Amino acid sequence: MSLATQFGTDVLLTGWGHSRFGKLTDDTLESLIVQVTREAIAGAGIDAAEIDEVYLGQFNSALVPLAFPSSLVLQADPVLANVPATRVENACASGSAALQQGVKSLLAGTAKTVLVIGAEKMTHASADQVGSALLGADYDLAGTPSSTGFAGLFAVVADAYAERYGAIGDVLGSIAAKNHRNGVANPYAQLRKDLGEEFCRTVSEKNPIVAGQLRRTDCSPVSDGAAAVILSTDARRGSGAATDPVRLAGFGQANDFLPAARRDPTAFAATRVSFERALSMAGVGLDDIDFAELHDCFTIAELVLYEAMGLTMPGQGRRAIDEGWVRPDGRLPVNLSGGLKAKGHPVGATGVSQHVVSAMQLTGTAGDMQLPAARRALVQNMGGVGVANYVSILEAV
């Protein structure tokens, strides 16, 4: 079974755009949205007039004063005037939430071509403002001041995991080093430096503790950036399309309880369900996946995700990194883009970015990041500590 057999139509990613991630002082939320919108339309080889609907993923949480950005996309082309445009927010999963809304419009038959954008502007804000804004996605700490934000919440996950399964400091350091090494090859990445395992494993003046046992190298950076994709049910390739399209073979979403007291911090239970739903819809197993882009907002998240996706049994996630399974030459390369850890994490842009870099892999246009003969990808994006969970299975056409 696949999405196409279940719903009677293909959903294709036909074009995409991606800004550089990082501290983009000269860019505004508007300029980033306009840039990636124009890139995606051009990449798909279509006219802006063919777009039936727009979804914009953005978290914001008062990081920028404008709380109503959906029509900013119209600045990319006046032809987009009167096209329905909706902002979607689901914490750090806002980008994938927007994408799945676009998919559902296509499956419902209310649109044939949808533009999905993810964007965020963050680096202008102070650490206290960013920390407090991000904690707006936490049931227990929303509205409280913080300079560490979600690092404190994932430090709790790391401590709980270590208490249950043993010390993980070196394991987290290895995950960080892998993703930094991968990020060197990504021209969009914020942090393009191979830091090495020893540096990532060691607390130092340049790699201090941020929260709990999490070091700076265990935490994704605050970032500006945007990404966009064109979704379509039309299998005909646009005459000016830059690449072949990519097929969405399956998708899944699952939400967990918001209060931390109702979740096992080491299990990511609803995340596991989202993996299962996407793989089931696509009619494939994990062994059929060539590479994965996982939501490594913190290195402990990637470790737990190895287990939630079924790559290892609970408590054995370290095998995936220690035995090389998730490295570029391993059985399931993870975060060839550098992940959130090195690529950066402009919150609303992340989910869309993950789909874009995966589509590049599947069309052989990933440049120095390219994995040879990649045919099928898994994309996983989450909001909160495993609360809002989205997974996509993408295939080369």
Protein backbone atom coordinates (compact mmCIF):
# COMPACT_ATOMS: atom_id res chain seq x y z
CA MET A 1 0.00 0.00 0.00
CA SER A 2 1.04 3.61 -0.50
CA LEU A 3 -0.50 7.05 -0.33
CA ALA A 4 -1.33 6.84 -4.04
CA THR A 5 -3.17 3.52 -3.72
CA GLN A 6 -5.00 4.63 -0.57
CA PHE A 7 -6.19 7.99 -1.92
CA GLY A 8 -6.11 7.39 -5.68
CA THR A 9 -3.64 10.13 -6.49
CA ASP A 10 0.04 10.91 -6.27
CA VAL A 11 1.32 13.82 -4.21
CA LEU A 12 4.55 15.16 -5.67
CA LEU A 13 7.15 17.67 -4.56
CA THR A 14 7.87 19.42 -7.85
CA GLY A 15 10.04 22.37 -6.86
CA TRP A 16 11.74 23.83 -3.83
CA GLY A 17 13.71 26.73 -2.45
CA HIS A 18 16.04 27.14 0.52
CA SER A 19 17.79 30.12 2.08
CA ARG A 20 21.03 29.96 3.95
CA PHE A 21 20.47 29.37 7.68
CA GLY A 22 22.21 31.45 10.35
CA LYS A 23 22.35 35.03 11.59
CA LEU A 24 20.91 36.79 8.56
CA THR A 25 21.12 40.41 9.64
CA ASP A 26 20.25 41.82 6.22
CA ASP A 27 17.14 39.66 5.80
CA THR A 28 13.65 40.12 7.17
CA LEU A 29 10.90 37.55 7.57
CA GLU A 30 9.37 39.02 4.43
CA SER A 31 12.53 38.88 2.33
CA LEU A 32 13.18 35.27 3.32
CA ILE A 33 9.63 34.24 2.42
CA VAL A 34 9.85 36.04 -0.92
CA GLN A 35 13.22 34.49 -1.75
CA VAL A 36 12.26 30.86 -1.19
CA THR A 37 8.83 31.31 -2.78
CA ARG A 38 10.38 32.55 -6.01
CA GLU A 39 12.96 29.77 -5.94
CA ALA A 40 10.32 27.07 -5.45
CA ILE A 41 8.06 28.37 -8.22
CA ALA A 42 10.99 28.62 -10.62
CA GLY A 43 12.25 25.18 -9.63
CA ALA A 44 8.86 23.63 -10.36
CA GLY A 45 8.75 25.30 -13.76
CA ILE A 46 5.28 26.71 -13.19
CA ASP A 47 3.64 30.11 -13.21
CA ALA A 48 2.61 31.61 -9.88
CA ALA A 49 -0.93 31.74 -11.26
CA GLU A 50 -1.07 27.92 -11.03
CA ILE A 51 -0.86 27.98 -7.22
CA ASP A 52 -4.24 27.23 -5.66
CA GLU A 53 -3.37 27.55 -1.99
CA VAL A 54 -0.53 28.61 0.33
CA TYR A 55 0.44 27.35 3.78
CA LEU A 56 3.07 29.14 5.86
CA GLY A 57 4.67 27.41 8.85
CA GLN A 58 5.92 29.85 11.49
CA PHE A 59 6.15 29.60 15.28
CA ASN A 60 6.97 33.23 16.15
CA SER A 61 5.73 33.32 19.78
CA ALA A 62 6.29 37.12 19.71
CA LEU A 63 9.85 36.85 18.35
CA VAL A 64 8.81 39.35 15.67
CA PRO A 65 6.05 41.92 16.19
CA LEU A 66 4.10 40.91 13.07
CA ALA A 67 1.81 38.08 14.16
CA PHE A 68 -0.11 37.85 10.88
CA PRO A 69 2.40 36.92 8.14
CA SER A 70 0.39 34.67 5.80
CA SER A 71 -0.06 37.30 3.07
CA LEU A 72 3.65 38.15 2.96
CA VAL A 73 3.96 35.46 0.30
CA LEU A 74 1.97 37.68 -2.06
CA GLN A 75 4.98 40.01 -2.12
CA ALA A 76 6.77 37.40 -4.25
CA ASP A 77 4.43 37.87 -7.21
CA PRO A 78 1.34 40.06 -7.63
CA VAL A 79 -0.37 37.15 -9.41
CA LEU A 80 -0.71 35.53 -5.97
CA ALA A 81 -3.28 38.14 -4.92
CA ASN A 82 -6.53 36.42 -3.82
CA VAL A 83 -4.89 33.00 -3.41
CA PRO A 84 -5.95 31.52 -0.03
CA ALA A 85 -2.99 31.70 2.37
CA THR A 86 -2.95 30.34 5.91
CA ARG A 87 -0.37 30.44 8.66
CA VAL A 88 0.13 27.13 10.51
CA GLU A 89 1.71 26.84 13.97
CA ASN A 90 2.59 23.69 15.87
CA ALA A 91 5.73 24.65 17.80
CA CYS A 92 8.97 23.35 16.25
CA ALA A 93 6.92 21.15 13.91
CA SER A 94 5.20 24.16 12.29
CA GLY A 95 6.92 23.51 8.95
CA SER A 96 5.80 19.90 8.64
CA ALA A 97 2.37 20.84 9.98
CA ALA A 98 2.05 23.31 7.12
CA LEU A 99 3.20 20.68 4.64
CA GLN A 100 0.69 18.11 5.83
CA GLN A 101 -2.10 20.68 5.61
CA GLY A 102 -1.08 21.27 2.02
CA VAL A 103 -1.10 17.53 1.37
CA LYS A 104 -4.61 17.23 2.80
CA SER A 105 -5.86 20.04 0.54
CA LEU A 106 -4.55 18.09 -2.44
CA LEU A 107 -6.11 14.83 -1.24
CA ALA A 108 -9.42 16.58 -0.59
CA GLY A 109 -9.43 17.85 -4.17
CA THR A 110 -9.74 21.51 -3.18
CA ALA A 111 -6.34 22.26 -4.73
CA LYS A 112 -4.09 20.81 -7.42
CA THR A 113 -0.99 22.86 -6.65
CA VAL A 114 -0.01 24.09 -3.18
CA LEU A 115 2.89 26.27 -2.05
CA VAL A 116 4.25 25.44 1.41
CA ILE A 117 6.72 27.73 3.16
CA GLY A 118 8.48 27.50 6.50
CA ALA A 119 10.17 30.61 7.87
CA GLU A 120 11.49 32.10 11.09
CA LYS A 121 13.46 35.16 12.15
CA MET A 122 15.11 34.68 15.56
CA THR A 123 18.69 35.90 15.87
CA HIS A 124 17.82 39.55 16.50
CA ALA A 125 16.27 38.59 19.85
CA SER A 126 18.14 38.25 23.14
CA ALA A 127 18.81 34.85 24.72
CA ASP A 128 16.20 35.60 27.37
CA GLN A 129 13.59 36.52 24.75
CA VAL A 130 14.30 33.43 22.63
CA GLY A 131 14.25 31.17 25.69
CA SER A 132 10.95 32.58 26.92
CA ALA A 133 9.41 32.43 23.44
CA LEU A 134 10.34 28.77 22.99
CA LEU A 135 8.95 27.91 26.41
CA GLY A 136 5.61 29.13 25.10
CA ALA A 137 5.42 25.59 23.70
CA ASP A 138 5.69 23.98 27.16
CA TYR A 139 2.67 23.31 29.37
CA ASP A 140 4.48 23.76 32.67
CA LEU A 141 6.85 26.65 31.93
CA ALA A 142 4.98 28.82 29.41
CA GLY A 143 5.13 32.43 30.48
CA THR A 144 8.19 32.04 32.70
CA PRO A 145 11.54 33.76 32.04
CA SER A 146 14.39 31.63 30.72
CA SER A 147 17.71 32.04 28.94
CA THR A 148 18.10 28.30 28.27
CA GLY A 149 14.61 27.62 26.92
CA PHE A 150 14.13 24.06 25.72
CA ALA A 151 17.69 23.08 26.65
CA GLY A 152 16.48 22.74 30.22
CA LEU A 153 13.62 20.47 29.15
CA PHE A 154 15.83 18.19 27.07
CA ALA A 155 18.38 18.14 29.89
CA VAL A 156 15.65 16.43 31.91
CA VAL A 157 15.32 13.86 29.12
CA ALA A 158 19.08 13.29 29.12
CA ASP A 159 19.19 12.86 32.89
CA ALA A 160 16.25 10.46 32.89
CA TYR A 161 17.78 8.43 30.07
CA ALA A 162 21.17 8.24 31.80
CA GLU A 163 19.57 7.20 35.06
CA ARG A 164 17.67 4.41 33.33
CA TYR A 165 20.26 3.19 30.84
CA GLY A 166 23.68 4.48 31.92
CA ALA A 167 26.05 7.32 31.13
CA ILE A 168 25.62 8.94 27.69
CA GLY A 169 28.01 11.91 27.65
CA ASP A 170 30.35 10.40 25.07
CA VAL A 171 27.44 9.09 22.99
CA LEU A 172 25.90 12.56 22.75
CA GLY A 173 29.32 13.94 21.84
CA SER A 174 29.61 11.41 19.00
CA ILE A 175 26.19 12.39 17.64
CA ALA A 176 27.16 16.06 17.73
CA ALA A 177 30.47 15.36 15.99
CA LYS A 178 28.75 13.32 13.26
CA ASN A 179 26.28 16.08 12.47
CA HIS A 180 28.91 18.81 12.51
CA ARG A 181 31.01 16.70 10.13
CA ASN A 182 28.00 16.24 7.82
CA GLY A 183 27.18 19.94 7.96
CA VAL A 184 30.51 20.89 6.38
CA ALA A 185 29.13 19.69 3.02
CA ASN A 186 25.86 21.66 3.29
CA PRO A 187 26.04 25.14 1.71
CA TYR A 188 22.88 26.19 3.59
CA ALA A 189 24.21 25.18 7.03
CA GLN A 190 24.81 27.68 9.81
CA LEU A 191 27.73 25.79 11.36
CA ARG A 192 30.11 24.39 8.75
CA LYS A 193 33.01 23.17 10.84
CA ASP A 194 34.13 19.65 11.73
CA LEU A 195 34.62 20.00 15.48
CA GLY A 196 35.77 16.41 16.11
CA GLU A 197 34.56 13.95 18.71
CA GLU A 198 37.01 14.94 21.44
CA PHE A 199 35.87 18.57 21.39
CA CYS A 200 32.17 17.61 21.35
CA ARG A 201 32.62 15.15 24.21
CA THR A 202 34.53 17.54 26.45
CA VAL A 203 33.29 20.41 28.60
CA SER A 204 35.54 23.40 28.01
CA GLU A 205 35.54 27.18 27.87
CA LYS A 206 34.49 26.94 24.22
CA ASN A 207 32.04 24.11 24.88
CA PRO A 208 30.41 24.93 28.22
CA ILE A 209 27.47 23.28 29.92
CA VAL A 210 24.19 24.89 28.84
CA ALA A 211 21.75 22.91 30.99
CA GLY A 212 22.08 19.69 32.99
CA GLN A 213 24.65 17.57 31.16
CA LEU A 214 24.01 19.18 27.78
CA ARG A 215 26.99 21.06 26.37
CA ARG A 216 26.83 23.79 23.77
CA THR A 217 27.62 21.19 21.09
CA ASP A 218 24.57 19.20 22.20
CA CYS A 219 22.25 22.11 21.34
CA SER A 220 21.05 23.36 17.96
CA PRO A 221 21.73 27.06 17.35
CA VAL A 222 19.26 29.93 17.19
CA SER A 223 18.77 30.65 13.48
CA ASP A 224 17.10 32.71 10.79
CA GLY A 225 16.01 31.05 7.58
CA ALA A 226 13.29 29.82 5.25
CA ALA A 227 12.47 26.97 2.88
CA ALA A 228 9.61 26.27 0.47
CA VAL A 229 8.18 23.43 -1.61
CA ILE A 230 5.59 23.14 -4.34
CA LEU A 231 3.18 20.21 -3.85
CA SER A 232 1.14 18.95 -6.78
CA THR A 233 -1.09 16.10 -7.92
CA ASP A 234 -0.12 16.77 -11.53
CA ALA A 235 2.43 14.17 -12.63
CA ARG A 236 3.33 16.18 -15.75
CA ARG A 237 6.72 17.78 -15.33
CA GLY A 238 6.73 21.53 -15.89
CA SER A 239 8.55 22.47 -19.08
CA GLY A 240 11.00 24.56 -17.11
CA ALA A 241 11.31 22.30 -14.04
CA ALA A 242 14.79 22.17 -12.58
CA THR A 243 14.63 18.51 -11.54
CA ASP A 244 12.44 15.44 -11.55
CA PRO A 245 9.72 15.49 -8.90
CA VAL A 246 9.76 13.52 -5.66
CA ARG A 247 6.82 11.39 -4.52
CA LEU A 248 5.29 11.54 -1.04
CA ALA A 249 4.69 7.84 -0.36
CA GLY A 250 3.29 8.14 3.16
CA PHE A 251 2.88 10.47 6.09
CA GLY A 252 1.97 10.23 9.75
CA GLN A 253 1.11 12.54 12.62
CA ALA A 254 0.58 11.83 16.31
CA ASN A 255 0.26 14.10 19.33
CA ASP A 256 1.13 13.24 22.92
CA PHE A 257 -0.12 14.79 26.16
CA LEU A 258 1.16 18.30 26.79
CA PRO A 259 1.83 18.04 30.57
CA ALA A 260 5.26 16.48 31.12
CA ALA A 261 3.91 14.38 33.98
CA ARG A 262 1.83 12.38 31.48
CA ARG A 263 4.79 11.43 29.25
CA ASP A 264 7.76 9.09 29.70
CA PRO A 265 10.65 11.43 28.81
CA THR A 266 12.77 8.59 27.43
CA ALA A 267 10.13 6.99 25.21
CA PHE A 268 8.77 9.63 22.76
CA ALA A 269 5.70 7.39 22.57
CA ALA A 270 3.66 9.49 20.12
CA THR A 271 6.75 9.98 17.97
CA ARG A 272 6.93 6.20 17.63
CA VAL A 273 3.29 6.16 16.47
CA SER A 274 3.98 8.83 13.83
CA PHE A 275 6.83 6.69 12.45
CA GLU A 276 4.58 3.64 12.36
CA ARG A 277 1.75 5.50 10.59
CA ALA A 278 3.99 6.93 7.88
CA LEU A 279 5.79 3.66 7.19
CA SER A 280 2.49 1.78 7.13
CA MET A 281 0.92 4.20 4.66
CA ALA A 282 3.97 3.94 2.42
CA GLY A 283 3.92 0.15 2.67
CA VAL A 284 7.60 -0.04 3.61
CA GLY A 285 9.76 -0.90 6.59
CA LEU A 286 12.76 0.82 8.10
CA ASP A 287 15.07 -1.48 6.13
CA ASP A 288 13.65 0.06 2.93
CA ILE A 289 14.78 3.58 3.91
CA ASP A 290 18.06 4.84 2.43
CA PHE A 291 18.55 7.83 4.74
CA ALA A 292 16.70 9.87 7.37
CA GLU A 293 16.49 13.51 8.41
CA LEU A 294 15.65 13.51 12.13
CA HIS A 295 14.74 16.36 14.48
CA ASP A 296 17.98 16.62 16.46
CA CYS A 297 17.16 19.88 18.25
CA PHE A 298 19.40 18.39 20.96
CA THR A 299 21.68 15.37 20.66
CA ILE A 300 19.62 13.51 23.26
CA ALA A 301 16.63 13.85 20.94
CA GLU A 302 18.47 12.08 18.13
CA LEU A 303 19.53 9.31 20.50
CA VAL A 304 15.95 8.69 21.66
CA LEU A 305 14.69 8.92 18.08
CA TYR A 306 16.92 5.99 17.06
CA GLU A 307 14.84 3.93 19.47
CA ALA A 308 11.46 5.50 18.70
CA MET A 309 11.85 4.77 14.99
CA GLY A 310 12.70 1.14 15.73
CA LEU A 311 16.34 1.25 14.68
CA THR A 312 17.29 -0.19 18.09
CA MET A 313 15.54 -1.47 21.17
CA PRO A 314 14.90 0.98 24.05
CA GLY A 315 18.11 1.79 25.88
CA GLN A 316 20.30 0.60 23.00
CA GLY A 317 20.30 3.71 20.83
CA ARG A 318 24.01 4.16 21.39
CA ARG A 319 24.65 1.14 19.16
CA ALA A 320 23.46 3.14 16.15
CA ILE A 321 26.23 5.70 16.57
CA ASP A 322 28.89 3.50 18.20
CA GLU A 323 28.62 0.87 15.45
CA GLY A 324 28.40 3.41 12.64
CA TRP A 325 24.86 2.62 11.46
CA VAL A 326 23.84 6.29 11.20
CA ARG A 327 27.03 7.63 9.65
CA PRO A 328 27.13 8.49 5.91
CA ASP A 329 28.48 5.04 5.02
CA GLY A 330 26.25 3.18 7.50
CA ARG A 331 23.07 1.15 7.08
CA LEU A 332 20.82 4.20 7.69
CA PRO A 333 22.63 7.54 7.36
CA VAL A 334 21.00 10.15 9.61
CA ASN A 335 21.14 13.90 9.08
CA LEU A 336 23.38 14.07 6.05
CA SER A 337 22.47 17.76 5.97
CA GLY A 338 24.06 18.29 9.39
CA GLY A 339 20.63 18.17 11.01
CA LEU A 340 19.31 20.96 13.19
CA LYS A 341 22.59 20.69 15.12
CA ALA A 342 24.74 22.05 12.30
CA LYS A 343 22.30 23.23 9.63
CA GLY A 344 20.49 25.38 12.17
CA HIS A 345 16.96 25.51 13.57
CA PRO A 346 14.85 28.47 12.44
CA VAL A 347 11.84 26.91 14.09
CA GLY A 348 9.09 27.30 11.48
CA ALA A 349 11.46 26.57 8.61
CA THR A 350 12.90 23.32 9.93
CA GLY A 351 10.26 20.84 8.78
CA VAL A 352 10.11 22.26 5.27
CA SER A 353 13.91 22.40 5.12
CA GLN A 354 14.11 18.71 6.00
CA HIS A 355 11.84 17.89 3.06
CA VAL A 356 13.85 20.11 0.71
CA VAL A 357 17.27 18.61 1.52
CA SER A 358 15.74 15.12 1.27
CA ALA A 359 14.22 15.93 -2.13
CA MET A 360 17.64 17.13 -3.26
CA GLN A 361 19.13 13.78 -2.26
CA LEU A 362 16.43 11.87 -4.12
CA THR A 363 16.93 13.88 -7.32
CA GLY A 364 20.73 13.68 -7.24
CA THR A 365 21.08 17.45 -6.75
CA ALA A 366 22.51 17.48 -3.20
CA GLY A 367 26.03 18.37 -4.31
CA ASP A 368 28.69 17.51 -1.74
CA MET A 369 25.98 16.12 0.57
CA GLN A 370 24.90 13.55 -2.01
CA LEU A 371 24.36 9.94 -0.92
CA PRO A 372 24.90 7.66 -3.94
CA ALA A 373 21.79 5.93 -5.30
CA ALA A 374 19.39 7.36 -2.71
CA ARG A 375 15.84 6.26 -3.57
CA ARG A 376 13.76 6.56 -0.40
CA ALA A 377 13.93 9.00 2.55
CA LEU A 378 12.35 9.40 5.96
CA VAL A 379 11.74 12.90 7.36
CA GLN A 380 10.82 13.40 11.04
CA ASN A 381 9.94 16.73 12.66
CA MET A 382 8.55 17.33 16.14
CA GLY A 383 7.27 20.11 18.36
CA GLY A 384 7.85 20.18 22.08
CA VAL A 385 9.45 17.20 23.81
CA GLY A 386 7.93 14.59 21.51
CA VAL A 387 4.48 16.22 21.68
CA ALA A 388 3.59 17.15 18.08
CA ASN A 389 5.08 14.58 15.72
CA TYR A 390 5.22 14.39 11.93
CA VAL A 391 6.89 11.84 9.64
CA SER A 392 7.04 11.71 5.84
CA ILE A 393 8.29 9.00 3.52
CA LEU A 394 9.64 10.39 0.24
CA GLU A 395 10.58 8.44 -2.88
CA ALA A 396 12.46 9.16 -6.08
CA VAL A 397 10.19 9.00 -9.12
